Protein backbone atom coordinates (compact mmCIF):
# COMPACT_ATOMS: atom_id res chain seq x y z
CA MET A 1 2.97 3.93 -14.69
CA ASP A 2 3.53 7.67 -14.99
CA GLU A 3 6.08 8.48 -12.29
CA GLY A 4 5.81 12.26 -12.68
CA TRP A 5 3.15 12.59 -9.97
CA VAL A 6 5.40 11.65 -7.05
CA GLN A 7 8.74 13.10 -5.98
CA ARG A 8 10.48 9.80 -5.35
CA GLU A 9 13.61 11.29 -3.80
CA LYS A 10 11.53 12.40 -0.79
CA LEU A 11 10.84 8.75 0.02
CA GLN A 12 14.49 8.20 1.07
CA GLN A 13 14.51 4.64 2.47
CA LYS A 14 10.72 4.33 2.67
CA VAL A 15 8.55 2.22 0.39
CA LEU A 16 5.19 3.45 -0.88
CA CYS A 17 2.65 1.00 -2.24
CA THR A 18 -0.26 2.26 -4.27
CA THR A 19 -2.99 0.66 -6.32
CA MET A 20 -4.62 1.54 -9.61
CA SER A 21 -7.52 -0.59 -10.84
CA ASP A 22 -6.46 -4.17 -10.02
CA LYS A 23 -2.71 -3.44 -10.11
CA CYS A 24 -0.34 -2.62 -7.27
CA TYR A 25 2.87 -0.62 -7.56
CA ARG A 26 5.84 -0.41 -5.17
CA ILE A 27 7.49 3.01 -5.33
CA ARG A 28 10.97 3.68 -3.95
CA SER A 29 13.36 6.57 -4.33
CA ASP A 30 15.15 4.71 -7.15
CA GLY A 31 12.04 3.80 -9.19
CA SER A 32 8.81 1.86 -9.24
CA THR A 33 7.79 -1.70 -10.03
CA GLU A 34 4.49 -3.48 -10.47
CA VAL A 35 3.88 -6.11 -7.79
CA GLN A 36 2.17 -9.00 -9.55
CA LYS A 37 1.31 -10.98 -6.41
CA ARG A 38 -0.64 -8.02 -4.96
CA GLN A 39 -3.13 -7.80 -7.81
CA CYS A 40 -6.66 -8.12 -6.50
CA GLN A 41 -10.27 -7.57 -7.45
CA GLN A 42 -11.23 -6.09 -4.06
CA GLU A 43 -13.28 -3.00 -4.93
CA GLU A 44 -13.68 -1.48 -1.47
CA ALA A 45 -10.70 0.64 -0.48
CA ASP A 46 -11.10 -0.39 3.18
CA GLY A 47 -10.50 -4.05 2.43
CA ARG A 48 -7.77 -3.38 -0.11
CA LEU A 49 -5.90 -1.18 2.35
CA LEU A 50 -5.81 -3.91 4.98
CA LEU A 51 -4.99 -6.55 2.38
CA ASN A 52 -1.91 -4.54 1.37
CA ALA A 53 -0.92 -4.05 5.02
CA GLY A 54 -1.11 -7.82 5.44
CA HIS A 55 1.13 -8.34 2.41
CA ALA A 56 3.67 -5.93 3.92
CA ALA A 57 3.70 -7.96 7.14
CA GLU A 58 4.26 -11.16 5.13
CA GLU A 59 7.26 -9.51 3.44
CA GLY A 60 8.84 -8.78 6.82
CA TYR A 61 8.07 -5.10 7.35
CA GLU A 62 7.91 -4.31 11.05
CA GLY A 63 5.42 -1.46 10.73
CA VAL A 64 2.76 -0.12 8.43
CA VAL A 65 1.30 3.38 8.58
CA VAL A 66 -2.39 3.58 7.68
CA CYS A 67 -3.77 7.10 7.24
CA SER A 68 -7.55 7.31 7.22
CA GLU A 69 -10.24 9.43 8.80
CA ASP A 70 -12.74 6.59 8.40
CA THR A 71 -13.86 5.06 11.71
CA PHE A 72 -14.62 1.76 9.98
CA VAL A 73 -11.00 1.52 8.78
CA PHE A 74 -9.85 2.15 12.35
CA ILE A 75 -12.10 -0.60 13.74
CA MET A 76 -11.06 -3.06 11.00
CA ALA A 77 -7.37 -2.26 11.57
CA LEU A 78 -7.76 -2.98 15.27
CA ALA A 79 -9.45 -6.29 14.48
CA PHE A 80 -6.73 -7.38 12.06
CA GLN A 81 -3.77 -6.07 14.06
């Protein structure tokens, strides 16, 4: 993955997860890794976003920030909270 598009040092202690095609990448200030267990064929971004939030909860993260202006994402997030 080309890491030139993100300024990783600004992440500090945060973790950013992003997807490209069917792959998922975890980006930290010290580098990035592909997360094999988060690969999925979900095409709709709404579902993929909540799927990744669920994975974060399974890994023990206490909070997930979802940024979306889509009302449907808001309603789905409330349902899956």
